[in-house]
Amino acid sequence: MKKLFFTVLFALCILLMPAVQAAPTIDVGLVVSQYSAEVEAPAGFVITLPDGSREEYGAGKYFFAAEQGRIRLDKKTYPGGIVLTLKQQPAAKAASGKARTASKRPAAQRLLSVNKQECPGEIRLYTTDGGADLTIVNRVPLELYVNSVLGPKSSPIWPNEAIKAQAVAVRSLAWYYMTRQGGSLYAVRAMEPGFFYGGERTINANIAKVAAQTAGQVLYYDGAPAACYTSESSGGQTVSAAEALGRDIPYLVSVEDYDKDCPGFSWEKRIPVSTISRILNQLGHPIGKLTGYRLSSQDKPDERDRFASGRVRYISWQGEKGSVTLTGREFADMLALSSNDFDVYLTEALPDKLDIPIENSAGIEIGRKEMPIDVKGPTEPVWKSTIPGFHFLTGNKDEMLLFRGKGIGTGLGLSKWGARGMADAAGDKAGYYRQILSHYYPGTYLTTVY
């Protein structure tokens, strides 16, 4: 009876595990809903039509555009769904530059480029938006995509276990999107925030070698692929999916981050009030000269404008002609702030540098040196208001605001610097990447899908 029980249990476990398959490809949206795009072919290319017929083109630059539901190239038009591939090169030529980088390949070996970006694999062109726009997709092996995204997110001198953890996170999020692609033309965009895909250009051979040790491994939760979002640095504590995405995800909760070595763990940025007013106007918020803003301090947070983590939920600006309220993320993006985890202080306008004379022992000037000024704002706002959270602005043309914050990015999921911090503390112990992943994505489990 006991033997039968364990046999049934084993069979159930096998059934619940995701099926292992051949190494898959992923569709990456390079150009999404644009009128036209440039394709450069250093050694020529072949167009394969949906019916299987083929047409060859020589080396050169070509401009593809959407036109009444078809794709125009010079004086010809093609239906959507055409595929561009490189012309086959003689074997001797193809092998001669094997060790060279993409940028140093001879023309006969270089890749097709879309809007100046070299792309391995197939280039697929579609018409979208009722045939008025063009969408271009790069179909590549998933591991190549992982290595391309991982290159800018990691460093070859970092602990191997940190690189492995990042590789699994990148692959897991890609796998999550792939399983939900449905009828969409692509699974991810090349310009996905935090997951930039640059083709072979952003692949680092040393990082790819380490990442290969996790090939095919992804995280699952409760039988389904896990959405393993990542960030640069959270500033000491990651944020939950409920805060960052507006919905609860059991394995994306706030946990301690180990990212103190990140250069952007703490940051400051001074911005003239007049600049904020100008940018608001340019973005379609013509509220005029600013007279104040509304935001509670992190010392005394108000849940109406701050999340439980202290990050900015909303910030409101009052001008002579009206007012506008932005989310913390919108405002951070607007001013290129590192994150929405910040406080604001009024400070006097000061120069960025001071020109200081250098004198010898006799008091004679022998040169000059520029010294940067690091402005430190007050620990408490220098003004008070009878309206809670509202701060009046004087309107002085030199008025300056100091933004003081922590972290880089959304702060959601595994952080790049936190993974490194954990791996450093563990001494790069073999297999430790599993513990790193368990810390940032509690309740998930690692499985091999190909």
Protein backbone atom coordinates (compact mmCIF):
# COMPACT_ATOMS: atom_id res chain seq x y z
CA MET A 1 0.00 0.00 0.00
CA LYS A 2 2.83 2.34 0.93
CA LYS A 3 4.58 1.56 -2.35
CA LEU A 4 1.42 2.40 -4.29
CA PHE A 5 1.06 5.71 -2.41
CA PHE A 6 4.59 6.86 -3.31
CA THR A 7 4.13 5.73 -6.91
CA VAL A 8 0.98 7.85 -7.23
CA LEU A 9 2.67 10.80 -5.49
CA PHE A 10 5.65 10.60 -7.86
CA ALA A 11 3.33 10.47 -10.87
CA LEU A 12 1.46 13.57 -9.66
CA CYS A 13 4.72 15.47 -9.21
CA ILE A 14 5.73 14.60 -12.77
CA LEU A 15 2.36 15.75 -14.11
CA LEU A 16 2.55 19.07 -12.28
CA MET A 17 6.06 19.87 -13.52
CA PRO A 18 6.27 22.01 -16.67
CA ALA A 19 7.18 19.99 -19.74
CA VAL A 20 10.82 20.22 -20.83
CA GLN A 21 11.10 21.34 -24.44
CA ALA A 22 13.73 22.29 -26.98
CA ALA A 23 15.47 25.63 -26.51
CA PRO A 24 12.83 28.18 -27.63
CA THR A 25 12.98 31.48 -29.47
CA ILE A 26 11.51 34.78 -28.30
CA ASP A 27 9.90 37.54 -30.38
CA VAL A 28 11.28 40.98 -29.47
CA GLY A 29 9.50 44.12 -30.65
CA LEU A 30 12.21 46.36 -32.13
CA VAL A 31 9.94 48.90 -33.85
CA VAL A 32 6.37 49.09 -32.63
CA SER A 33 3.64 50.98 -34.52
CA GLN A 34 5.86 53.41 -36.43
CA TYR A 35 5.40 54.62 -39.99
CA SER A 36 8.82 53.58 -41.29
CA ALA A 37 12.18 52.08 -40.37
CA GLU A 38 15.67 51.78 -41.84
CA VAL A 39 17.20 48.37 -42.49
CA GLU A 40 20.88 48.12 -43.40
CA ALA A 41 22.32 44.99 -45.03
CA PRO A 42 26.12 45.08 -45.32
CA ALA A 43 26.13 41.89 -47.41
CA GLY A 44 22.62 41.59 -48.80
CA PHE A 45 19.49 39.86 -47.56
CA VAL A 46 16.56 37.67 -48.60
CA ILE A 47 12.87 38.48 -48.22
CA THR A 48 10.67 35.43 -47.66
CA LEU A 49 6.98 36.09 -48.33
CA PRO A 50 4.12 34.37 -46.44
CA ASP A 51 3.57 32.06 -49.45
CA GLY A 52 7.19 30.86 -49.26
CA SER A 53 8.49 32.72 -52.32
CA ARG A 54 11.81 34.55 -51.95
CA GLU A 55 13.39 37.71 -53.31
CA GLU A 56 17.02 38.76 -52.91
CA TYR A 57 18.43 42.24 -52.34
CA GLY A 58 22.03 43.41 -52.38
CA ALA A 59 24.05 45.27 -49.78
CA GLY A 60 22.86 48.73 -48.80
CA LYS A 61 20.40 50.77 -46.77
CA TYR A 62 16.68 50.28 -47.29
CA PHE A 63 13.63 52.08 -45.97
CA PHE A 64 10.49 50.08 -45.22
CA ALA A 65 7.17 51.86 -44.66
CA ALA A 66 3.54 50.98 -44.08
CA GLU A 67 1.21 51.89 -46.92
CA GLN A 68 -2.49 51.00 -46.99
CA GLY A 69 -2.05 47.69 -45.22
CA ARG A 70 1.08 46.65 -47.13
CA ILE A 71 4.81 47.15 -46.67
CA ARG A 72 6.52 49.38 -49.21
CA LEU A 73 10.15 48.93 -50.23
CA ASP A 74 11.25 51.25 -53.01
CA LYS A 75 8.69 50.77 -55.80
CA LYS A 76 7.40 47.42 -54.59
CA THR A 77 4.93 46.48 -51.88
CA TYR A 78 4.68 43.28 -49.84
CA PRO A 79 2.06 41.79 -47.53
CA GLY A 80 2.58 41.86 -43.78
CA GLY A 81 4.47 38.94 -42.29
CA ILE A 82 7.54 39.01 -44.53
CA VAL A 83 10.80 37.67 -43.07
CA LEU A 84 14.26 39.16 -43.65
CA THR A 85 17.35 36.96 -43.35
CA LEU A 86 20.98 37.40 -44.33
CA LYS A 87 22.16 35.92 -47.60
CA GLN A 88 24.02 32.66 -47.07
CA GLN A 89 27.77 33.25 -47.16
CA PRO A 90 30.43 30.74 -48.29
CA ALA A 91 31.60 28.55 -45.39
CA ALA A 92 35.18 29.83 -45.53
CA LYS A 93 34.09 33.42 -45.15
CA ALA A 94 31.64 32.62 -42.39
CA ALA A 95 34.37 30.96 -40.29
CA SER A 96 37.17 33.47 -40.84
CA GLY A 97 35.99 36.06 -38.33
CA LYS A 98 34.59 33.78 -35.65
CA ALA A 99 36.40 35.48 -32.76
CA ARG A 100 35.60 39.02 -33.84
CA THR A 101 32.97 41.22 -32.25
CA ALA A 102 29.89 42.30 -34.19
CA SER A 103 31.26 45.81 -34.77
CA LYS A 104 34.60 44.46 -36.14
CA ARG A 105 33.20 41.78 -38.46
CA PRO A 106 33.94 42.18 -42.16
CA ALA A 107 30.88 43.30 -44.15
CA ALA A 108 30.20 39.76 -45.38
CA GLN A 109 29.68 38.58 -41.81
CA ARG A 110 27.88 41.51 -40.23
CA LEU A 111 24.24 41.32 -39.20
CA LEU A 112 21.16 43.05 -40.49
CA SER A 113 20.58 46.36 -38.69
CA VAL A 114 17.23 47.92 -37.85
CA ASN A 115 17.46 51.64 -37.12
CA LYS A 116 21.26 51.28 -36.59
CA GLN A 117 20.95 48.30 -34.22
CA GLU A 118 22.50 45.02 -35.38
CA CYS A 119 20.08 42.13 -34.88
CA PRO A 120 20.84 38.41 -34.91
CA GLY A 121 18.18 35.94 -36.01
CA GLU A 122 15.17 36.68 -38.19
CA ILE A 123 13.67 40.11 -38.81
CA ARG A 124 9.88 39.97 -39.27
CA LEU A 125 7.83 42.89 -40.60
CA TYR A 126 4.11 43.38 -40.03
CA THR A 127 1.54 46.09 -40.63
CA THR A 128 -0.37 47.18 -37.53
CA ASP A 129 -2.96 49.74 -36.46
CA GLY A 130 -5.25 48.96 -39.37
CA GLY A 131 -2.35 48.84 -41.82
CA ALA A 132 -1.19 52.39 -41.12
CA ASP A 133 1.93 51.51 -39.13
CA LEU A 134 4.87 49.17 -39.18
CA THR A 135 5.97 46.75 -36.46
CA ILE A 136 9.33 44.96 -36.71
CA VAL A 137 10.10 41.89 -34.63
CA ASN A 138 13.45 40.18 -34.01
CA ARG A 139 13.05 36.42 -33.44
CA VAL A 140 16.10 35.11 -31.55
CA PRO A 141 17.02 32.18 -29.29
CA LEU A 142 15.88 32.88 -25.74
CA GLU A 143 19.40 32.40 -24.32
CA LEU A 144 20.74 35.03 -26.71
CA TYR A 145 18.04 37.41 -25.53
CA VAL A 146 18.94 36.69 -21.88
CA ASN A 147 22.62 37.39 -22.53
CA SER A 148 21.84 40.60 -24.39
CA VAL A 149 19.65 41.94 -21.56
CA LEU A 150 22.01 40.69 -18.86
CA GLY A 151 25.10 42.42 -20.27
CA PRO A 152 24.22 45.98 -19.13
CA LYS A 153 22.62 44.71 -15.90
CA SER A 154 25.69 42.93 -14.55
CA SER A 155 29.50 43.01 -14.55
CA PRO A 156 31.99 40.23 -15.40
CA ILE A 157 33.96 41.00 -12.22
CA TRP A 158 30.94 40.41 -9.96
CA PRO A 159 30.45 37.14 -8.07
CA ASN A 160 29.26 34.31 -10.31
CA GLU A 161 26.29 33.59 -8.05
CA ALA A 162 25.00 37.15 -8.44
CA ILE A 163 25.24 36.84 -12.25
CA LYS A 164 23.43 33.49 -12.17
CA ALA A 165 20.62 34.92 -10.04
CA GLN A 166 20.19 37.80 -12.46
CA ALA A 167 20.23 35.45 -15.45
CA VAL A 168 17.43 33.33 -13.97
CA ALA A 169 15.39 36.45 -13.16
CA VAL A 170 15.77 37.85 -16.70
CA ARG A 171 14.93 34.49 -18.26
CA SER A 172 11.97 33.97 -15.92
CA LEU A 173 10.34 37.29 -16.79
CA ALA A 174 10.86 36.61 -20.50
CA TRP A 175 9.33 33.15 -20.07
CA TYR A 176 6.41 34.66 -18.16
CA TYR A 177 5.69 37.04 -21.06
CA MET A 178 6.20 34.31 -23.67
CA THR A 179 3.58 32.09 -22.07
CA ARG A 180 1.13 35.02 -22.19
CA GLN A 181 1.97 36.23 -25.69
CA GLY A 182 -1.15 34.74 -27.23
CA GLY A 183 -1.88 36.39 -30.56
CA SER A 184 0.50 39.30 -29.97
CA LEU A 185 3.27 39.83 -32.52
CA TYR A 186 5.94 39.99 -29.80
CA ALA A 187 6.48 38.87 -26.22
CA VAL A 188 8.60 41.81 -25.07
CA ARG A 189 9.78 45.15 -26.39
CA ALA A 190 13.45 45.88 -26.94
CA MET A 191 13.07 49.07 -24.89
CA GLU A 192 11.32 47.39 -21.95
CA PRO A 193 12.21 49.45 -18.82
CA GLY A 194 14.97 47.65 -16.94
CA PHE A 195 15.25 44.98 -19.66
CA PHE A 196 16.94 46.71 -22.58
CA TYR A 197 17.66 44.39 -25.50
CA GLY A 198 20.56 45.51 -27.70
CA GLY A 199 21.12 42.39 -29.78
CA GLU A 200 24.67 41.06 -29.87
CA ARG A 201 26.05 44.53 -29.12
CA THR A 202 25.19 44.27 -25.41
CA ILE A 203 26.39 40.69 -24.91
CA ASN A 204 29.44 40.26 -22.70
CA ALA A 205 31.16 36.93 -23.39
CA ASN A 206 32.33 36.44 -19.80
CA ILE A 207 28.89 37.16 -18.33
CA ALA A 208 27.26 34.88 -20.92
CA LYS A 209 29.62 32.06 -19.94
CA VAL A 210 28.45 32.25 -16.32
CA ALA A 211 24.78 32.65 -17.27
CA ALA A 212 25.03 29.51 -19.43
CA GLN A 213 25.35 27.47 -16.22
CA THR A 214 21.65 28.24 -15.59
CA ALA A 215 20.45 27.71 -19.18
CA GLY A 216 16.78 26.73 -19.29
CA GLN A 217 16.17 27.46 -15.61
CA VAL A 218 13.20 29.64 -14.66
CA LEU A 219 11.19 30.35 -11.52
CA TYR A 220 7.63 29.07 -11.07
CA TYR A 221 5.05 29.79 -8.40
CA ASP A 222 2.11 27.51 -7.73
CA GLY A 223 2.52 25.74 -11.07
CA ALA A 224 2.80 28.87 -13.24
CA PRO A 225 5.72 31.00 -14.52
CA ALA A 226 6.71 33.75 -12.09
CA ALA A 227 6.92 37.40 -13.16
CA CYS A 228 10.42 38.10 -11.85
CA TYR A 229 10.71 41.87 -12.11
CA THR A 230 14.05 43.38 -11.18
CA SER A 231 15.49 46.78 -10.34
CA GLU A 232 18.86 48.49 -10.00
CA SER A 233 18.74 49.36 -6.32
CA SER A 234 15.83 49.73 -3.91
CA GLY A 235 17.56 51.85 -1.29
CA GLY A 236 17.61 49.17 1.41
CA GLN A 237 14.08 47.72 1.16
CA THR A 238 12.33 46.39 -1.93
CA VAL A 239 8.73 47.37 -2.63
CA SER A 240 5.75 45.07 -3.03
CA ALA A 241 3.82 44.42 -6.22
CA ALA A 242 0.78 45.92 -4.49
CA GLU A 243 2.65 49.24 -4.35
CA ALA A 244 4.55 49.12 -7.65
CA LEU A 245 1.95 47.42 -9.85
CA GLY A 246 -1.30 48.03 -7.98
CA ARG A 247 -2.00 44.33 -7.44
CA ASP A 248 -0.94 41.67 -4.96
CA ILE A 249 1.56 39.04 -6.14
CA PRO A 250 2.47 36.57 -3.35
CA TYR A 251 6.14 36.27 -4.32
CA LEU A 252 6.69 40.00 -4.88
CA VAL A 253 6.60 41.39 -1.35
CA SER A 254 8.82 43.91 0.42
CA VAL A 255 12.06 42.35 1.68
CA GLU A 256 15.38 43.66 2.95
CA ASP A 257 17.76 44.64 0.17
CA TYR A 258 21.54 44.36 0.41
CA ASP A 259 22.38 47.13 -2.02
CA LYS A 260 24.33 49.59 0.14
CA ASP A 261 27.35 49.40 -2.18
CA CYS A 262 25.32 50.86 -5.03
CA PRO A 263 26.72 54.29 -6.03
CA GLY A 264 23.13 55.52 -6.27
CA PHE A 265 21.97 54.11 -2.95
CA SER A 266 21.56 57.74 -1.81
CA TRP A 267 21.29 60.62 -4.24
CA GLU A 268 20.59 64.36 -4.47
CA LYS A 269 19.48 66.57 -7.33
CA ARG A 270 18.89 70.34 -7.38
CA ILE A 271 16.36 71.71 -9.87
CA PRO A 272 15.23 75.34 -10.35
CA VAL A 273 11.51 75.84 -9.74
CA SER A 274 11.34 77.66 -13.08
CA THR A 275 12.61 74.51 -14.82
CA ILE A 276 9.87 72.41 -13.22
CA SER A 277 7.29 74.95 -14.38
CA ARG A 278 8.67 74.90 -17.93
CA ILE A 279 8.68 71.08 -18.14
CA LEU A 280 5.13 70.85 -16.81
CA ASN A 281 4.05 73.30 -19.50
CA GLN A 282 5.86 71.32 -22.23
CA LEU A 283 4.08 68.15 -21.12
CA GLY A 284 0.66 69.74 -21.47
CA HIS A 285 0.15 71.17 -17.96
CA PRO A 286 0.10 74.97 -18.51
CA ILE A 287 -0.48 75.94 -14.87
CA GLY A 288 1.76 79.00 -15.07
CA LYS A 289 4.29 80.23 -12.55
CA LEU A 290 4.44 77.82 -9.61
CA THR A 291 3.19 79.04 -6.25
CA GLY A 292 3.46 75.86 -4.22
CA TYR A 293 3.28 72.07 -4.09
CA ARG A 294 1.71 69.46 -1.88
CA LEU A 295 3.68 66.47 -0.50
CA SER A 296 4.03 65.17 3.03
CA SER A 297 7.52 64.51 4.38
CA GLN A 298 8.90 61.01 4.89
CA ASP A 299 9.20 61.79 8.60
CA LYS A 300 5.45 62.42 8.77
CA PRO A 301 4.02 60.54 5.78
CA ASP A 302 0.42 60.94 4.71
CA GLU A 303 -1.08 57.84 3.05
CA ARG A 304 -2.84 60.10 0.57
CA ASP A 305 0.45 61.03 -1.09
CA ARG A 306 2.95 58.41 0.12
CA PHE A 307 3.01 54.64 0.09
CA ALA A 308 3.73 52.62 3.23
CA SER A 309 7.36 52.34 2.04
CA GLY A 310 7.69 56.14 2.09
CA ARG A 311 7.86 56.41 -1.69
CA VAL A 312 5.86 59.17 -3.34
CA ARG A 313 2.37 58.10 -4.42
CA TYR A 314 1.23 61.53 -5.67
CA ILE A 315 2.69 65.03 -5.79
CA SER A 316 0.52 68.07 -6.60
CA TRP A 317 1.71 71.38 -8.06
CA GLN A 318 -0.15 74.68 -7.79
CA GLY A 319 0.40 77.46 -10.30
CA GLU A 320 -1.05 80.89 -10.99
CA LYS A 321 -3.26 79.39 -13.74
CA GLY A 322 -4.24 76.07 -12.22
CA SER A 323 -2.95 72.88 -10.65
CA VAL A 324 -1.88 69.36 -11.61
CA THR A 325 -1.35 66.09 -9.72
CA LEU A 326 1.17 63.51 -10.92
CA THR A 327 2.04 60.07 -9.64
CA GLY A 328 5.43 59.76 -7.99
CA ARG A 329 6.70 57.61 -10.86
CA GLU A 330 5.46 60.09 -13.49
CA PHE A 331 7.13 62.97 -11.69
CA ALA A 332 10.40 61.07 -11.18
CA ASP A 333 10.49 60.21 -14.89
CA MET A 334 9.66 63.80 -15.80
CA LEU A 335 12.68 65.17 -13.93
CA ALA A 336 14.94 62.13 -14.50
CA LEU A 337 15.06 61.42 -10.76
CA SER A 338 16.57 58.05 -9.87
CA SER A 339 13.42 56.84 -8.11
CA ASN A 340 10.17 58.01 -6.51
CA ASP A 341 11.67 57.51 -3.02
CA PHE A 342 12.52 61.12 -2.17
CA ASP A 343 11.93 64.18 -0.01
CA VAL A 344 11.92 67.78 -1.24
CA TYR A 345 13.60 70.81 0.36
CA LEU A 346 13.80 74.47 -0.54
CA THR A 347 17.37 75.68 -0.90
CA GLU A 348 19.14 78.79 -2.14
CA ALA A 349 20.48 78.88 -5.67
CA LEU A 350 24.22 78.29 -5.69
CA PRO A 351 26.77 77.76 -8.45
CA ASP A 352 27.76 74.18 -9.28
CA LYS A 353 31.46 75.03 -8.91
CA LEU A 354 33.71 77.57 -7.23
CA ASP A 355 36.83 78.93 -8.93
CA ILE A 356 39.47 78.89 -6.16
CA PRO A 357 42.95 80.49 -6.48
CA ILE A 358 46.01 78.37 -5.61
CA GLU A 359 48.79 80.30 -3.84
CA ASN A 360 52.37 79.42 -2.94
CA SER A 361 53.92 79.92 0.48
CA ALA A 362 54.59 83.57 -0.39
CA GLY A 363 50.93 84.23 -1.07
CA ILE A 364 51.42 84.55 -4.83
CA GLU A 365 48.75 83.04 -7.04
CA ILE A 366 50.23 80.22 -9.14
CA GLY A 367 47.04 78.77 -10.57
CA ARG A 368 43.33 78.21 -10.10
CA LYS A 369 41.18 75.17 -9.40
CA GLU A 370 37.49 74.46 -9.83
CA MET A 371 35.88 72.84 -6.80
CA PRO A 372 32.41 71.26 -7.11
CA ILE A 373 29.79 72.28 -4.55
CA ASP A 374 27.78 69.53 -2.85
CA VAL A 375 24.65 71.22 -1.55
CA LYS A 376 23.16 69.73 1.60
CA GLY A 377 19.56 70.61 2.30
CA PRO A 378 18.14 71.10 5.77
CA THR A 379 17.03 68.08 7.75
CA GLU A 380 13.60 69.71 8.04
CA PRO A 381 11.75 71.95 5.57
CA VAL A 382 12.56 75.60 6.24
CA TRP A 383 8.94 76.70 5.89
CA LYS A 384 5.72 75.74 7.57
CA SER A 385 2.15 75.96 6.33
CA THR A 386 -1.30 76.04 7.80
CA ILE A 387 -2.39 73.59 5.07
CA PRO A 388 -1.02 70.08 5.90
CA GLY A 389 1.54 68.97 3.33
CA PHE A 390 1.32 72.19 1.29
CA HIS A 391 4.53 74.15 0.76
CA PHE A 392 4.48 77.70 -0.55
CA LEU A 393 7.00 78.88 -3.12
CA THR A 394 8.25 82.46 -3.09
CA GLY A 395 8.33 82.96 -6.84
CA ASN A 396 11.94 84.14 -6.76
CA LYS A 397 13.59 83.52 -10.14
CA ASP A 398 16.55 81.84 -8.42
CA GLU A 399 14.39 79.57 -6.29
CA MET A 400 15.75 76.03 -6.16
CA LEU A 401 14.39 72.71 -4.88
CA LEU A 402 16.61 69.94 -3.56
CA PHE A 403 15.42 66.38 -4.14
CA ARG A 404 17.06 63.92 -1.78
CA GLY A 405 16.31 60.23 -2.29
CA LYS A 406 17.37 56.61 -2.29
CA GLY A 407 17.61 53.80 -4.82
CA ILE A 408 17.46 53.53 -8.60
CA GLY A 409 14.37 52.30 -10.40
CA THR A 410 11.12 50.79 -9.19
CA GLY A 411 12.61 48.85 -6.25
CA LEU A 412 10.52 45.82 -7.25
CA GLY A 413 11.96 42.31 -7.01
CA LEU A 414 15.61 41.29 -7.13
CA SER A 415 17.94 44.28 -7.24
CA LYS A 416 21.15 44.19 -9.21
CA TRP A 417 23.24 45.53 -6.34
CA GLY A 418 21.38 43.51 -3.73
CA ALA A 419 22.23 40.26 -5.55
CA ARG A 420 25.86 41.31 -5.57
CA GLY A 421 25.74 42.21 -1.87
CA MET A 422 24.31 38.82 -0.91
CA ALA A 423 26.83 36.92 -3.07
CA ASP A 424 29.73 38.94 -1.62
CA ALA A 425 28.60 38.17 1.93
CA ALA A 426 28.33 34.45 1.14
CA GLY A 427 31.79 34.30 -0.39
CA ASP A 428 30.42 33.33 -3.80
CA LYS A 429 29.45 29.91 -2.45
CA ALA A 430 28.54 27.49 -5.28
CA GLY A 431 24.81 27.23 -5.84
CA TYR A 432 24.10 30.27 -3.64
CA TYR A 433 22.15 31.92 -6.47
CA ARG A 434 19.21 29.75 -5.39
CA GLN A 435 19.19 31.41 -1.95
CA ILE A 436 19.39 34.84 -3.57
CA LEU A 437 16.36 34.07 -5.72
CA SER A 438 14.44 32.62 -2.76
CA HIS A 439 15.08 35.80 -0.78
CA TYR A 440 13.77 38.18 -3.44
CA TYR A 441 11.00 35.89 -4.74
CA PRO A 442 9.80 33.97 -1.65
CA GLY A 443 7.69 30.91 -2.35
CA THR A 444 8.98 30.40 -5.91
CA TYR A 445 10.85 27.31 -7.01
CA LEU A 446 13.46 26.71 -9.69
CA THR A 447 12.70 24.38 -12.58
CA THR A 448 14.27 23.55 -15.95
CA VAL A 449 11.94 24.02 -18.90
CA TYR A 450 14.38 23.25 -21.76
